[in-house]
Every structure is written in C-alpha cells, then in structure tokens.
Amino acid sequence: MVLKIRLARFGKAHKPFYNIVVAQARSARNSRPLEVLGTYDPIPKAPALGSPPDEKPVKDIKLDIVRAKYWLGVGAQPSEPAQRLLALIGLIEPKFHIQKMKALGEKVKQQAEEKEEGAVQTK
C-alpha cells in the first residue's frame, strides 16, 4: 500500500483552503483520507492590529507535527506542494537549496574554464 501526504482542496471558488492528509496514492484527491494531519490556507491574512506596520501578511499552516513525523517514518511520500510545506515547517530538507544550486553552478563554470585552459595549453 503506497501512501502519500498531499493536499485535499476545500473552500469556495477563488478562495482555496486545503487539508493536509495521508491517503492511498491511487485514491482521488478529495476522497476519504486515512488521516487529516492539518490545514493550509494559501490566502495571506493581514497582520493583527497593533503589530508593526512593516510586518508581512501571513499564510496559515496548522499541522500535527507528531503524526506527520510518524507517517514520514513509516514511508509516506509527500507530494510536491506538501513537501514544500513540510520543508517550511522544518520536518524535511527542502528539495532545492538556492545557495547549493548557486555554488554548484559556480563549480561547473570553474571546471569548464579549467578544461578550456588545459585545451589551449596543449595546442
């Protein structure tokens, strides 16, 4: 039985709201899940009154971390959007690190330059 941690959409048209659920991989998006781990509201909420004026709007993520760790431990695979949310919370490593990708790009450029210099010197 392959398990997925994914988002199940609820809410109205143009006002999405998602449940973070554990479900069998072959089941439909909004079919009955094995367990609901939490909720995600992608529409940013305005900061509370009395907060600093430069504070950014916040997207609401509520998650039962203990249960999420359990399901990840028994082999449930997160979908791409669920993986991003779990990485934001800190449960799993982000799929792509921007800093690592930049460093890798610089390393590849250096290797290419070294190869070109070596080819020029042998001629």
PDB file of N, CA and C in Angstrom:
ATOM      1  N   MET A   1       0.859  -1.170   0.000  1.00  0.00           N
ATOM      2  CA  MET A   1       0.000   0.000   0.000  1.00  0.00           C
ATOM      3  C   MET A   1       0.903   1.231   0.000  1.00  0.00           C
ATOM      4  N   VAL A   2       0.860   2.028  -1.055  1.00  0.00           N
ATOM      5  CA  VAL A   2       1.664   3.241  -1.173  1.00  0.00           C
ATOM      6  C   VAL A   2       0.869   4.404  -0.600  1.00  0.00           C
ATOM      7  N   LEU A   3       1.504   5.124   0.336  1.00  0.00           N
ATOM      8  CA  LEU A   3       0.841   6.244   0.994  1.00  0.00           C
ATOM      9  C   LEU A   3       1.443   7.558   0.537  1.00  0.00           C
ATOM     10  N   LYS A   4       0.591   8.580   0.443  1.00  0.00           N
ATOM     11  CA  LYS A   4       1.022   9.911   0.055  1.00  0.00           C
ATOM     12  C   LYS A   4       0.539  10.906   1.102  1.00  0.00           C
ATOM     13  N   ILE A   5       1.385  11.883   1.378  1.00  0.00           N
ATOM     14  CA  ILE A   5       0.960  13.049   2.147  1.00  0.00           C
ATOM     15  C   ILE A   5       0.698  14.120   1.102  1.00  0.00           C
ATOM     16  N   ARG A   6      -0.533  14.576   1.024  1.00  0.00           N
ATOM     17  CA  ARG A   6      -0.893  15.522  -0.035  1.00  0.00           C
ATOM     18  C   ARG A   6      -1.961  16.483   0.453  1.00  0.00           C
ATOM     19  N   LEU A   7      -2.335  17.406  -0.428  1.00  0.00           N
ATOM     20  CA  LEU A   7      -3.333  18.409  -0.092  1.00  0.00           C
ATOM     21  C   LEU A   7      -4.676  18.024  -0.690  1.00  0.00           C
ATOM     22  N   ALA A   8      -5.735  18.153   0.100  1.00  0.00           N
ATOM     23  CA  ALA A   8      -7.104  17.944  -0.373  1.00  0.00           C
ATOM     24  C   ALA A   8      -7.795  19.302  -0.338  1.00  0.00           C
ATOM     25  N   ARG A   9      -8.312  19.739  -1.478  1.00  0.00           N
ATOM     26  CA  ARG A   9      -8.871  21.087  -1.582  1.00  0.00           C
ATOM     27  C   ARG A   9     -10.293  21.163  -1.043  1.00  0.00           C
ATOM     28  N   PHE A  10     -10.536  22.239  -0.298  1.00  0.00           N
ATOM     29  CA  PHE A  10     -11.856  22.593   0.181  1.00  0.00           C
ATOM     30  C   PHE A  10     -12.031  24.082  -0.068  1.00  0.00           C
ATOM     31  N   GLY A  11     -13.111  24.641   0.338  1.00  0.00           N
ATOM     32  CA  GLY A  11     -13.317  26.078   0.175  1.00  0.00           C
ATOM     33  C   GLY A  11     -14.140  26.378  -1.062  1.00  0.00           C
ATOM     34  N   LYS A  12     -14.331  27.668  -1.302  1.00  0.00           N
ATOM     35  CA  LYS A  12     -15.153  28.129  -2.412  1.00  0.00           C
ATOM     36  C   LYS A  12     -14.298  28.406  -3.638  1.00  0.00           C
ATOM     37  N   ALA A  13     -14.956  28.769  -4.717  1.00  0.00           N
ATOM     38  CA  ALA A  13     -14.245  29.156  -5.936  1.00  0.00           C
ATOM     39  C   ALA A  13     -13.437  30.419  -5.653  1.00  0.00           C
ATOM     40  N   HIS A  14     -12.204  30.442  -6.068  1.00  0.00           N
ATOM     41  CA  HIS A  14     -11.278  31.560  -5.889  1.00  0.00           C
ATOM     42  C   HIS A  14     -10.922  31.811  -4.424  1.00  0.00           C
ATOM     43  N   LYS A  15     -11.306  30.920  -3.521  1.00  0.00           N
ATOM     44  CA  LYS A  15     -10.931  31.008  -2.102  1.00  0.00           C
ATOM     45  C   LYS A  15     -10.530  29.620  -1.622  1.00  0.00           C
ATOM     46  N   PRO A  16      -9.365  29.141  -2.051  1.00  0.00           N
ATOM     47  CA  PRO A  16      -8.983  27.777  -1.709  1.00  0.00           C
ATOM     48  C   PRO A  16      -8.631  27.619  -0.231  1.00  0.00           C
ATOM     49  N   PHE A  17      -8.826  26.422   0.249  1.00  0.00           N
ATOM     50  CA  PHE A  17      -8.451  26.021   1.595  1.00  0.00           C
ATOM     51  C   PHE A  17      -8.121  24.543   1.498  1.00  0.00           C
ATOM     52  N   TYR A  18      -7.031  24.119   2.096  1.00  0.00           N
ATOM     53  CA  TYR A  18      -6.578  22.740   1.923  1.00  0.00           C
ATOM     54  C   TYR A  18      -6.439  22.026   3.251  1.00  0.00           C
ATOM     55  N   ASN A  19      -6.784  20.754   3.257  1.00  0.00           N
ATOM     56  CA  ASN A  19      -6.443  19.862   4.356  1.00  0.00           C
ATOM     57  C   ASN A  19      -5.177  19.121   3.956  1.00  0.00           C
ATOM     58  N   ILE A  20      -4.248  18.989   4.865  1.00  0.00           N
ATOM     59  CA  ILE A  20      -3.053  18.180   4.639  1.00  0.00           C
ATOM     60  C   ILE A  20      -3.408  16.789   5.131  1.00  0.00           C
ATOM     61  N   VAL A  21      -3.436  15.819   4.203  1.00  0.00           N
ATOM     62  CA  VAL A  21      -3.950  14.491   4.525  1.00  0.00           C
ATOM     63  C   VAL A  21      -2.959  13.399   4.150  1.00  0.00           C
ATOM     64  N   VAL A  22      -3.167  12.221   4.755  1.00  0.00           N
ATOM     65  CA  VAL A  22      -2.467  10.999   4.365  1.00  0.00           C
ATOM     66  C   VAL A  22      -3.509  10.132   3.685  1.00  0.00           C
ATOM     67  N   ALA A  23      -3.214   9.727   2.445  1.00  0.00           N
ATOM     68  CA  ALA A  23      -4.162   8.924   1.682  1.00  0.00           C
ATOM     69  C   ALA A  23      -3.400   7.915   0.844  1.00  0.00           C
ATOM     70  N   GLN A  24      -4.116   6.918   0.361  1.00  0.00           N
ATOM     71  CA  GLN A  24      -3.505   5.967  -0.559  1.00  0.00           C
ATOM     72  C   GLN A  24      -3.224   6.688  -1.866  1.00  0.00           C
ATOM     73  N   ALA A  25      -2.131   6.327  -2.515  1.00  0.00           N
ATOM     74  CA  ALA A  25      -1.683   7.043  -3.709  1.00  0.00           C
ATOM     75  C   ALA A  25      -2.695   6.950  -4.848  1.00  0.00           C
ATOM     76  N   ARG A  26      -3.428   5.881  -4.928  1.00  0.00           N
ATOM     77  CA  ARG A  26      -4.357   5.683  -6.045  1.00  0.00           C
ATOM     78  C   ARG A  26      -5.730   6.309  -5.826  1.00  0.00           C
ATOM     79  N   SER A  27      -5.991   6.807  -4.624  1.00  0.00           N
ATOM     80  CA  SER A  27      -7.319   7.366  -4.356  1.00  0.00           C
ATOM     81  C   SER A  27      -7.436   8.773  -4.942  1.00  0.00           C
ATOM     82  N   ALA A  28      -8.664   9.224  -5.126  1.00  0.00           N
ATOM     83  CA  ALA A  28      -8.936  10.545  -5.700  1.00  0.00           C
ATOM     84  C   ALA A  28      -8.536  11.641  -4.720  1.00  0.00           C
ATOM     85  N   ARG A  29      -8.365  12.858  -5.235  1.00  0.00           N
ATOM     86  CA  ARG A  29      -7.871  13.976  -4.427  1.00  0.00           C
ATOM     87  C   ARG A  29      -8.750  14.244  -3.215  1.00  0.00           C
ATOM     88  N   ASN A  30     -10.062  14.268  -3.410  1.00  0.00           N
ATOM     89  CA  ASN A  30     -10.961  14.616  -2.309  1.00  0.00           C
ATOM     90  C   ASN A  30     -11.691  13.414  -1.729  1.00  0.00           C
ATOM     91  N   SER A  31     -11.172  12.202  -1.974  1.00  0.00           N
ATOM     92  CA  SER A  31     -11.795  11.028  -1.369  1.00  0.00           C
ATOM     93  C   SER A  31     -11.417  10.965   0.113  1.00  0.00           C
ATOM     94  N   ARG A  32     -12.023  10.057   0.818  1.00  0.00           N
ATOM     95  CA  ARG A  32     -11.805   9.956   2.259  1.00  0.00           C
ATOM     96  C   ARG A  32     -10.355   9.555   2.555  1.00  0.00           C
ATOM     97  N   PRO A  33      -9.623  10.368   3.323  1.00  0.00           N
ATOM     98  CA  PRO A  33      -8.225  10.059   3.629  1.00  0.00           C
ATOM     99  C   PRO A  33      -8.097   9.105   4.810  1.00  0.00           C
ATOM    100  N   LEU A  34      -6.907   8.575   5.011  1.00  0.00           N
ATOM    101  CA  LEU A  34      -6.642   7.757   6.189  1.00  0.00           C
ATOM    102  C   LEU A  34      -6.612   8.640   7.440  1.00  0.00           C
ATOM    103  N   GLU A  35      -5.978   9.812   7.303  1.00  0.00           N
ATOM    104  CA  GLU A  35      -5.885  10.729   8.445  1.00  0.00           C
ATOM    105  C   GLU A  35      -5.681  12.159   7.952  1.00  0.00           C
ATOM    106  N   VAL A  36      -6.276  13.112   8.654  1.00  0.00           N
ATOM    107  CA  VAL A  36      -6.070  14.536   8.371  1.00  0.00           C
ATOM    108  C   VAL A  36      -5.004  15.034   9.335  1.00  0.00           C
ATOM    109  N   LEU A  37      -3.885  15.525   8.771  1.00  0.00           N
ATOM    110  CA  LEU A  37      -2.763  15.981   9.594  1.00  0.00           C
ATOM    111  C   LEU A  37      -2.853  17.449   9.969  1.00  0.00           C
ATOM    112  N   GLY A  38      -3.503  18.249   9.118  1.00  0.00           N
ATOM    113  CA  GLY A  38      -3.582  19.667   9.411  1.00  0.00           C
ATOM    114  C   GLY A  38      -4.272  20.419   8.300  1.00  0.00           C
ATOM    115  N   THR A  39      -4.112  21.744   8.310  1.00  0.00           N
ATOM    116  CA  THR A  39      -4.743  22.594   7.308  1.00  0.00           C
ATOM    117  C   THR A  39      -3.732  23.601   6.765  1.00  0.00           C
ATOM    118  N   TYR A  40      -4.032  24.118   5.575  1.00  0.00           N
ATOM    119  CA  TYR A  40      -3.201  25.141   4.931  1.00  0.00           C
ATOM    120  C   TYR A  40      -4.122  26.124   4.242  1.00  0.00           C
ATOM    121  N   ASP A  41      -3.979  27.392   4.598  1.00  0.00           N
ATOM    122  CA  ASP A  41      -4.755  28.464   3.978  1.00  0.00           C
ATOM    123  C   ASP A  41      -3.787  29.315   3.160  1.00  0.00           C
ATOM    124  N   PRO A  42      -3.788  29.194   1.814  1.00  0.00           N
ATOM    125  CA  PRO A  42      -2.807  29.900   0.996  1.00  0.00           C
ATOM    126  C   PRO A  42      -3.075  31.390   0.807  1.00  0.00           C
ATOM    127  N   ILE A  43      -4.225  31.864   1.239  1.00  0.00           N
ATOM    128  CA  ILE A  43      -4.533  33.281   1.083  1.00  0.00           C
ATOM    129  C   ILE A  43      -3.936  34.031   2.274  1.00  0.00           C
ATOM    130  N   PRO A  44      -3.003  34.965   2.028  1.00  0.00           N
ATOM    131  CA  PRO A  44      -2.347  35.666   3.140  1.00  0.00           C
ATOM    132  C   PRO A  44      -3.346  36.481   3.965  1.00  0.00           C
ATOM    133  N   LYS A  45      -3.200  36.401   5.252  1.00  0.00           N
ATOM    134  CA  LYS A  45      -4.039  37.164   6.176  1.00  0.00           C
ATOM    135  C   LYS A  45      -3.295  38.427   6.584  1.00  0.00           C
ATOM    136  N   ALA A  46      -4.022  39.513   6.730  1.00  0.00           N
ATOM    137  CA  ALA A  46      -3.420  40.780   7.143  1.00  0.00           C
ATOM    138  C   ALA A  46      -2.880  40.640   8.572  1.00  0.00           C
ATOM    139  N   PRO A  47      -1.800  41.372   8.884  1.00  0.00           N
ATOM    140  CA  PRO A  47      -1.264  41.314  10.246  1.00  0.00           C
ATOM    141  C   PRO A  47      -2.281  41.829  11.268  1.00  0.00           C
ATOM    142  N   ALA A  48      -2.128  41.384  12.493  1.00  0.00           N
ATOM    143  CA  ALA A  48      -3.046  41.776  13.556  1.00  0.00           C
ATOM    144  C   ALA A  48      -2.884  43.256  13.883  1.00  0.00           C
ATOM    145  N   LEU A  49      -3.940  43.839  14.442  1.00  0.00           N
ATOM    146  CA  LEU A  49      -3.873  45.242  14.855  1.00  0.00           C
ATOM    147  C   LEU A  49      -2.840  45.392  15.958  1.00  0.00           C
ATOM    148  N   GLY A  50      -2.101  46.479  15.932  1.00  0.00           N
ATOM    149  CA  GLY A  50      -1.091  46.719  16.936  1.00  0.00           C
ATOM    150  C   GLY A  50       0.268  46.137  16.575  1.00  0.00           C
ATOM    151  N   SER A  51       0.352  45.414  15.453  1.00  0.00           N
ATOM    152  CA  SER A  51       1.636  44.866  15.029  1.00  0.00           C
ATOM    153  C   SER A  51       2.402  45.936  14.251  1.00  0.00           C
ATOM    154  N   PRO A  52       3.706  45.765  14.091  1.00  0.00           N
ATOM    155  CA  PRO A  52       4.490  46.764  13.350  1.00  0.00           C
ATOM    156  C   PRO A  52       3.954  46.946  11.932  1.00  0.00           C
ATOM    157  N   PRO A  53       4.019  48.166  11.389  1.00  0.00           N
ATOM    158  CA  PRO A  53       3.436  48.426  10.071  1.00  0.00           C
ATOM    159  C   PRO A  53       4.173  47.734   8.933  1.00  0.00           C
ATOM    160  N   ASP A  54       5.441  47.344   9.127  1.00  0.00           N
ATOM    161  CA  ASP A  54       6.190  46.699   8.052  1.00  0.00           C
ATOM    162  C   ASP A  54       6.059  45.175   8.073  1.00  0.00           C
ATOM    163  N   GLU A  55       5.191  44.635   8.935  1.00  0.00           N
ATOM    164  CA  GLU A  55       5.011  43.187   9.020  1.00  0.00           C
ATOM    165  C   GLU A  55       4.261  42.674   7.793  1.00  0.00           C
ATOM    166  N   LYS A  56       4.721  41.549   7.254  1.00  0.00           N
ATOM    167  CA  LYS A  56       4.128  40.978   6.038  1.00  0.00           C
ATOM    168  C   LYS A  56       2.881  40.161   6.364  1.00  0.00           C
ATOM    169  N   PRO A  57       1.969  40.008   5.397  1.00  0.00           N
ATOM    170  CA  PRO A  57       0.827  39.114   5.581  1.00  0.00           C
ATOM    171  C   PRO A  57       1.310  37.665   5.724  1.00  0.00           C
ATOM    172  N   VAL A  58       0.559  36.857   6.450  1.00  0.00           N
ATOM    173  CA  VAL A  58       0.983  35.501   6.785  1.00  0.00           C
ATOM    174  C   VAL A  58       0.015  34.478   6.208  1.00  0.00           C
ATOM    175  N   LYS A  59       0.564  33.402   5.625  1.00  0.00           N
ATOM    176  CA  LYS A  59      -0.247  32.260   5.202  1.00  0.00           C
ATOM    177  C   LYS A  59      -0.327  31.302   6.379  1.00  0.00           C
ATOM    178  N   ASP A  60      -1.496  30.763   6.632  1.00  0.00           N
ATOM    179  CA  ASP A  60      -1.739  29.961   7.827  1.00  0.00           C
ATOM    180  C   ASP A  60      -1.492  28.479   7.548  1.00  0.00           C
ATOM    181  N   ILE A  61      -0.573  27.867   8.309  1.00  0.00           N
ATOM    182  CA  ILE A  61      -0.307  26.428   8.227  1.00  0.00           C
ATOM    183  C   ILE A  61      -0.457  25.855   9.622  1.00  0.00           C
ATOM    184  N   LYS A  62      -1.365  24.905   9.786  1.00  0.00           N
ATOM    185  CA  LYS A  62      -1.533  24.206  11.057  1.00  0.00           C
ATOM    186  C   LYS A  62      -1.290  22.727  10.789  1.00  0.00           C
ATOM    187  N   LEU A  63      -0.426  22.118  11.589  1.00  0.00           N
ATOM    188  CA  LEU A  63      -0.030  20.732  11.330  1.00  0.00           C
ATOM    189  C   LEU A  63       0.235  20.005  12.634  1.00  0.00           C
ATOM    190  N   ASP A  64      -0.229  18.763  12.722  1.00  0.00           N
ATOM    191  CA  ASP A  64       0.096  17.898  13.849  1.00  0.00           C
ATOM    192  C   ASP A  64       1.474  17.290  13.551  1.00  0.00           C
ATOM    193  N   ILE A  65       2.512  17.871  14.126  1.00  0.00           N
ATOM    194  CA  ILE A  65       3.886  17.506  13.785  1.00  0.00           C
ATOM    195  C   ILE A  65       4.208  16.073  14.200  1.00  0.00           C
ATOM    196  N   VAL A  66       3.702  15.634  15.330  1.00  0.00           N
ATOM    197  CA  VAL A  66       3.988  14.277  15.804  1.00  0.00           C
ATOM    198  C   VAL A  66       3.454  13.247  14.812  1.00  0.00           C
ATOM    199  N   ARG A  67       2.225  13.439  14.354  1.00  0.00           N
ATOM    200  CA  ARG A  67       1.624  12.491  13.407  1.00  0.00           C
ATOM    201  C   ARG A  67       2.309  12.568  12.044  1.00  0.00           C
ATOM    202  N   ALA A  68       2.700  13.773  11.629  1.00  0.00           N
ATOM    203  CA  ALA A  68       3.400  13.925  10.349  1.00  0.00           C
ATOM    204  C   ALA A  68       4.733  13.186  10.387  1.00  0.00           C
ATOM    205  N   LYS A  69       5.464  13.296  11.502  1.00  0.00           N
ATOM    206  CA  LYS A  69       6.729  12.563  11.649  1.00  0.00           C
ATOM    207  C   LYS A  69       6.490  11.064  11.604  1.00  0.00           C
ATOM    208  N   TYR A  70       5.408  10.623  12.225  1.00  0.00           N
ATOM    209  CA  TYR A  70       5.089   9.193  12.213  1.00  0.00           C
ATOM    210  C   TYR A  70       4.876   8.698  10.787  1.00  0.00           C
ATOM    211  N   TRP A  71       4.039   9.406  10.027  1.00  0.00           N
ATOM    212  CA  TRP A  71       3.726   8.962   8.670  1.00  0.00           C
ATOM    213  C   TRP A  71       4.952   9.027   7.766  1.00  0.00           C
ATOM    214  N   LEU A  72       5.798  10.031   7.951  1.00  0.00           N
ATOM    215  CA  LEU A  72       7.046  10.076   7.178  1.00  0.00           C
ATOM    216  C   LEU A  72       7.945   8.910   7.574  1.00  0.00           C
ATOM    217  N   GLY A  73       7.915   8.549   8.852  1.00  0.00           N
ATOM    218  CA  GLY A  73       8.739   7.439   9.343  1.00  0.00           C
ATOM    219  C   GLY A  73       8.322   6.086   8.807  1.00  0.00           C
ATOM    220  N   VAL A  74       7.033   5.903   8.552  1.00  0.00           N
ATOM    221  CA  VAL A  74       6.564   4.617   8.029  1.00  0.00           C
ATOM    222  C   VAL A  74       6.578   4.572   6.515  1.00  0.00           C
ATOM    223  N   GLY A  75       7.063   5.653   5.875  1.00  0.00           N
ATOM    224  CA  GLY A  75       7.276   5.603   4.433  1.00  0.00           C
ATOM    225  C   GLY A  75       6.309   6.376   3.563  1.00  0.00           C
ATOM    226  N   ALA A  76       5.471   7.212   4.131  1.00  0.00           N
ATOM    227  CA  ALA A  76       4.564   8.014   3.305  1.00  0.00           C
ATOM    228  C   ALA A  76       5.375   9.050   2.522  1.00  0.00           C
ATOM    229  N   GLN A  77       5.092   9.180   1.234  1.00  0.00           N
ATOM    230  CA  GLN A  77       5.824  10.097   0.359  1.00  0.00           C
ATOM    231  C   GLN A  77       5.022  11.385   0.186  1.00  0.00           C
ATOM    232  N   PRO A  78       5.611  12.557   0.489  1.00  0.00           N
ATOM    233  CA  PRO A  78       4.874  13.806   0.288  1.00  0.00           C
ATOM    234  C   PRO A  78       4.823  14.202  -1.186  1.00  0.00           C
ATOM    235  N   SER A  79       3.715  14.812  -1.594  1.00  0.00           N
ATOM    236  CA  SER A  79       3.613  15.366  -2.942  1.00  0.00           C
ATOM    237  C   SER A  79       4.464  16.638  -2.982  1.00  0.00           C
ATOM    238  N   GLU A  80       4.639  17.228  -4.171  1.00  0.00           N
ATOM    239  CA  GLU A  80       5.467  18.435  -4.309  1.00  0.00           C
ATOM    240  C   GLU A  80       4.981  19.583  -3.414  1.00  0.00           C
ATOM    241  N   PRO A  81       3.679  19.961  -3.462  1.00  0.00           N
ATOM    242  CA  PRO A  81       3.227  21.059  -2.593  1.00  0.00           C
ATOM    243  C   PRO A  81       3.343  20.701  -1.103  1.00  0.00           C
ATOM    244  N   ALA A  82       3.032  19.459  -0.749  1.00  0.00           N
ATOM    245  CA  ALA A  82       3.143  19.043   0.650  1.00  0.00           C
ATOM    246  C   ALA A  82       4.607  19.046   1.090  1.00  0.00           C
ATOM    247  N   GLN A  83       5.499  18.677   0.190  1.00  0.00           N
ATOM    248  CA  GLN A  83       6.920  18.678   0.507  1.00  0.00           C
ATOM    249  C   GLN A  83       7.408  20.101   0.794  1.00  0.00           C
ATOM    250  N   ARG A  84       6.945  21.071   0.003  1.00  0.00           N
ATOM    251  CA  ARG A  84       7.306  22.471   0.254  1.00  0.00           C
ATOM    252  C   ARG A  84       6.824  22.923   1.629  1.00  0.00           C
ATOM    253  N   LEU A  85       5.585  22.569   1.998  1.00  0.00           N
ATOM    254  CA  LEU A  85       5.045  22.970   3.290  1.00  0.00           C
ATOM    255  C   LEU A  85       5.795  22.302   4.436  1.00  0.00           C
ATOM    256  N   LEU A  86       6.098  21.007   4.291  1.00  0.00           N
ATOM    257  CA  LEU A  86       6.834  20.307   5.345  1.00  0.00           C
ATOM    258  C   LEU A  86       8.248  20.860   5.485  1.00  0.00           C
ATOM    259  N   ALA A  87       8.830  21.309   4.372  1.00  0.00           N
ATOM    260  CA  ALA A  87      10.160  21.918   4.430  1.00  0.00           C
ATOM    261  C   ALA A  87      10.089  23.290   5.107  1.00  0.00           C
ATOM    262  N   LEU A  88       9.022  24.039   4.868  1.00  0.00           N
ATOM    263  CA  LEU A  88       8.842  25.335   5.532  1.00  0.00           C
ATOM    264  C   LEU A  88       8.763  25.169   7.045  1.00  0.00           C
ATOM    265  N   ILE A  89       8.081  24.131   7.474  1.00  0.00           N
ATOM    266  CA  ILE A  89       7.924  23.873   8.903  1.00  0.00           C
ATOM    267  C   ILE A  89       9.225  23.337   9.498  1.00  0.00           C
ATOM    268  N   GLY A  90      10.007  22.640   8.671  1.00  0.00           N
ATOM    269  CA  GLY A  90      11.286  22.120   9.140  1.00  0.00           C
ATOM    270  C   GLY A  90      11.303  20.624   9.383  1.00  0.00           C
ATOM    271  N   LEU A  91      10.281  19.904   8.916  1.00  0.00           N
ATOM    272  CA  LEU A  91      10.249  18.456   9.113  1.00  0.00           C
ATOM    273  C   LEU A  91      11.163  17.704   8.155  1.00  0.00           C
ATOM    274  N   ILE A  92      11.321  18.219   6.945  1.00  0.00           N
ATOM    275  CA  ILE A  92      12.169  17.560   5.954  1.00  0.00           C
ATOM    276  C   ILE A  92      13.069  18.603   5.304  1.00  0.00           C
ATOM    277  N   GLU A  93      14.097  18.122   4.630  1.00  0.00           N
ATOM    278  CA  GLU A  93      15.006  19.007   3.915  1.00  0.00           C
ATOM    279  C   GLU A  93      14.317  19.556   2.666  1.00  0.00           C
ATOM    280  N   PRO A  94      14.537  20.823   2.342  1.00  0.00           N
ATOM    281  CA  PRO A  94      13.994  21.354   1.093  1.00  0.00           C
ATOM    282  C   PRO A  94      14.588  20.607  -0.094  1.00  0.00           C
ATOM    283  N   LYS A  95      13.799  20.471  -1.137  1.00  0.00           N
ATOM    284  CA  LYS A  95      14.259  19.719  -2.303  1.00  0.00           C
ATOM    285  C   LYS A  95      15.408  20.438  -2.993  1.00  0.00           C
ATOM    286  N   PHE A  96      15.317  21.741  -3.101  1.00  0.00           N
ATOM    287  CA  PHE A  96      16.354  22.519  -3.752  1.00  0.00           C
ATOM    288  C   PHE A  96      16.793  23.633  -2.813  1.00  0.00           C
ATOM    289  N   HIS A  97      18.092  23.702  -2.566  1.00  0.00           N
ATOM    290  CA  HIS A  97      18.655  24.804  -1.802  1.00  0.00           C
ATOM    291  C   HIS A  97      19.203  25.810  -2.801  1.00  0.00           C
ATOM    292  N   ILE A  98      18.753  27.022  -2.731  1.00  0.00           N
ATOM    293  CA  ILE A  98      19.187  28.043  -3.684  1.00  0.00           C
ATOM    294  C   ILE A  98      20.691  28.261  -3.564  1.00  0.00           C
ATOM    295  N   GLN A  99      21.198  28.316  -2.351  1.00  0.00           N
ATOM    296  CA  GLN A  99      22.625  28.547  -2.150  1.00  0.00           C
ATOM    297  C   GLN A  99      23.443  27.386  -2.709  1.00  0.00           C
ATOM    298  N   LYS A 100      22.973  26.155  -2.498  1.00  0.00           N
ATOM    299  CA  LYS A 100      23.696  24.999  -3.023  1.00  0.00           C
ATOM    300  C   LYS A 100      23.678  24.991  -4.547  1.00  0.00           C
ATOM    301  N   MET A 101      22.549  25.389  -5.124  1.00  0.00           N
ATOM    302  CA  MET A 101      22.455  25.416  -6.583  1.00  0.00           C
ATOM    303  C   MET A 101      23.403  26.468  -7.157  1.00  0.00           C
ATOM    304  N   LYS A 102      23.515  27.642  -6.506  1.00  0.00           N
ATOM    305  CA  LYS A 102      24.437  28.672  -6.962  1.00  0.00           C
ATOM    306  C   LYS A 102      25.879  28.180  -6.859  1.00  0.00           C
ATOM    307  N   ALA A 103      26.216  27.542  -5.746  1.00  0.00           N
ATOM    308  CA  ALA A 103      27.571  27.032  -5.555  1.00  0.00           C
ATOM    309  C   ALA A 103      27.892  25.959  -6.594  1.00  0.00           C
ATOM    310  N   LEU A 104      26.925  25.108  -6.898  1.00  0.00           N
ATOM    311  CA  LEU A 104      27.123  24.075  -7.908  1.00  0.00           C
ATOM    312  C   LEU A 104      27.344  24.707  -9.276  1.00  0.00           C
ATOM    313  N   GLY A 105      26.589  25.751  -9.601  1.00  0.00           N
ATOM    314  CA  GLY A 105      26.756  26.450 -10.878  1.00  0.00           C
ATOM    315  C   GLY A 105      28.134  27.069 -10.998  1.00  0.00           C
ATOM    316  N   GLU A 106      28.620  27.680  -9.914  1.00  0.00           N
ATOM    317  CA  GLU A 106      29.957  28.272  -9.921  1.00  0.00           C
ATOM    318  C   GLU A 106      31.028  27.196 -10.088  1.00  0.00           C
ATOM    319  N   LYS A 107      30.828  26.052  -9.451  1.00  0.00           N
ATOM    320  CA  LYS A 107      31.782  24.948  -9.537  1.00  0.00           C
ATOM    321  C   LYS A 107      31.861  24.417 -10.969  1.00  0.00           C
ATOM    322  N   VAL A 108      30.726  24.294 -11.625  1.00  0.00           N
ATOM    323  CA  VAL A 108      30.679  23.815 -13.007  1.00  0.00           C
ATOM    324  C   VAL A 108      31.383  24.815 -13.930  1.00  0.00           C
ATOM    325  N   LYS A 109      31.175  26.111 -13.691  1.00  0.00           N
ATOM    326  CA  LYS A 109      31.840  27.133 -14.502  1.00  0.00           C
ATOM    327  C   LYS A 109      33.352  27.054 -14.347  1.00  0.00           C
ATOM    328  N   GLN A 110      33.818  26.865 -13.108  1.00  0.00           N
ATOM    329  CA  GLN A 110      35.255  26.762 -12.863  1.00  0.00           C
ATOM    330  C   GLN A 110      35.840  25.549 -13.578  1.00  0.00           C
ATOM    331  N   GLN A 111      35.151  24.425 -13.517  1.00  0.00           N
ATOM    332  CA  GLN A 111      35.635  23.217 -14.188  1.00  0.00           C
ATOM    333  C   GLN A 111      35.684  23.424 -15.697  1.00  0.00           C
ATOM    334  N   ALA A 112      34.709  24.109 -16.252  1.00  0.00           N
ATOM    335  CA  ALA A 112      34.689  24.369 -17.692  1.00  0.00           C
ATOM    336  C   ALA A 112      35.853  25.280 -18.082  1.00  0.00           C
ATOM    337  N   GLU A 113      36.121  26.301 -17.262  1.00  0.00           N
ATOM    338  CA  GLU A 113      37.238  27.205 -17.535  1.00  0.00           C
ATOM    339  C   GLU A 113      38.578  26.469 -17.474  1.00  0.00           C
ATOM    340  N   GLU A 114      38.715  25.571 -16.495  1.00  0.00           N
ATOM    341  CA  GLU A 114      39.951  24.800 -16.369  1.00  0.00           C
ATOM    342  C   GLU A 114      40.158  23.891 -17.580  1.00  0.00           C
ATOM    343  N   LYS A 115      39.094  23.299 -18.072  1.00  0.00           N
ATOM    344  CA  LYS A 115      39.191  22.439 -19.252  1.00  0.00           C
ATOM    345  C   LYS A 115      39.608  23.258 -20.470  1.00  0.00           C
ATOM    346  N   GLU A 116      39.037  24.456 -20.612  1.00  0.00           N
ATOM    347  CA  GLU A 116      39.399  25.333 -21.732  1.00  0.00           C
ATOM    348  C   GLU A 116      40.855  25.749 -21.655  1.00  0.00           C
ATOM    349  N   GLU A 117      41.317  26.091 -20.464  1.00  0.00           N
ATOM    350  CA  GLU A 117      42.726  26.476 -20.293  1.00  0.00           C
ATOM    351  C   GLU A 117      43.643  25.306 -20.611  1.00  0.00           C
ATOM    352  N   GLY A 118      43.255  24.125 -20.192  1.00  0.00           N
ATOM    353  CA  GLY A 118      44.058  22.931 -20.480  1.00  0.00           C
ATOM    354  C   GLY A 118      44.100  22.648 -21.975  1.00  0.00           C
ATOM    355  N   ALA A 119      43.003  22.865 -22.657  1.00  0.00           N
ATOM    356  CA  ALA A 119      42.953  22.626 -24.101  1.00  0.00           C
ATOM    357  C   ALA A 119      43.797  23.663 -24.846  1.00  0.00           C
ATOM    358  N   VAL A 120      43.819  24.894 -24.381  1.00  0.00           N
ATOM    359  CA  VAL A 120      44.590  25.962 -25.022  1.00  0.00           C
ATOM    360  C   VAL A 120      46.086  25.698 -24.813  1.00  0.00           C
ATOM    361  N   GLN A 121      46.493  25.227 -23.641  1.00  0.00           N
ATOM    362  CA  GLN A 121      47.905  24.994 -23.339  1.00  0.00           C
ATOM    363  C   GLN A 121      48.468  23.829 -24.136  1.00  0.00           C
ATOM    364  N   THR A 122      47.649  22.815 -24.433  1.00  0.00           N
ATOM    365  CA  THR A 122      48.148  21.644 -25.179  1.00  0.00           C
ATOM    366  C   THR A 122      48.350  21.947 -26.654  1.00  0.00           C
ATOM    367  N   LYS A 123      47.736  22.973 -27.173  1.00  0.00           N
ATOM    368  CA  LYS A 123      47.862  23.299 -28.596  1.00  0.00           C
ATOM    369  C   LYS A 123      49.142  23.947 -28.919  1.00  0.00           C
TER     370      LYS A 123
END
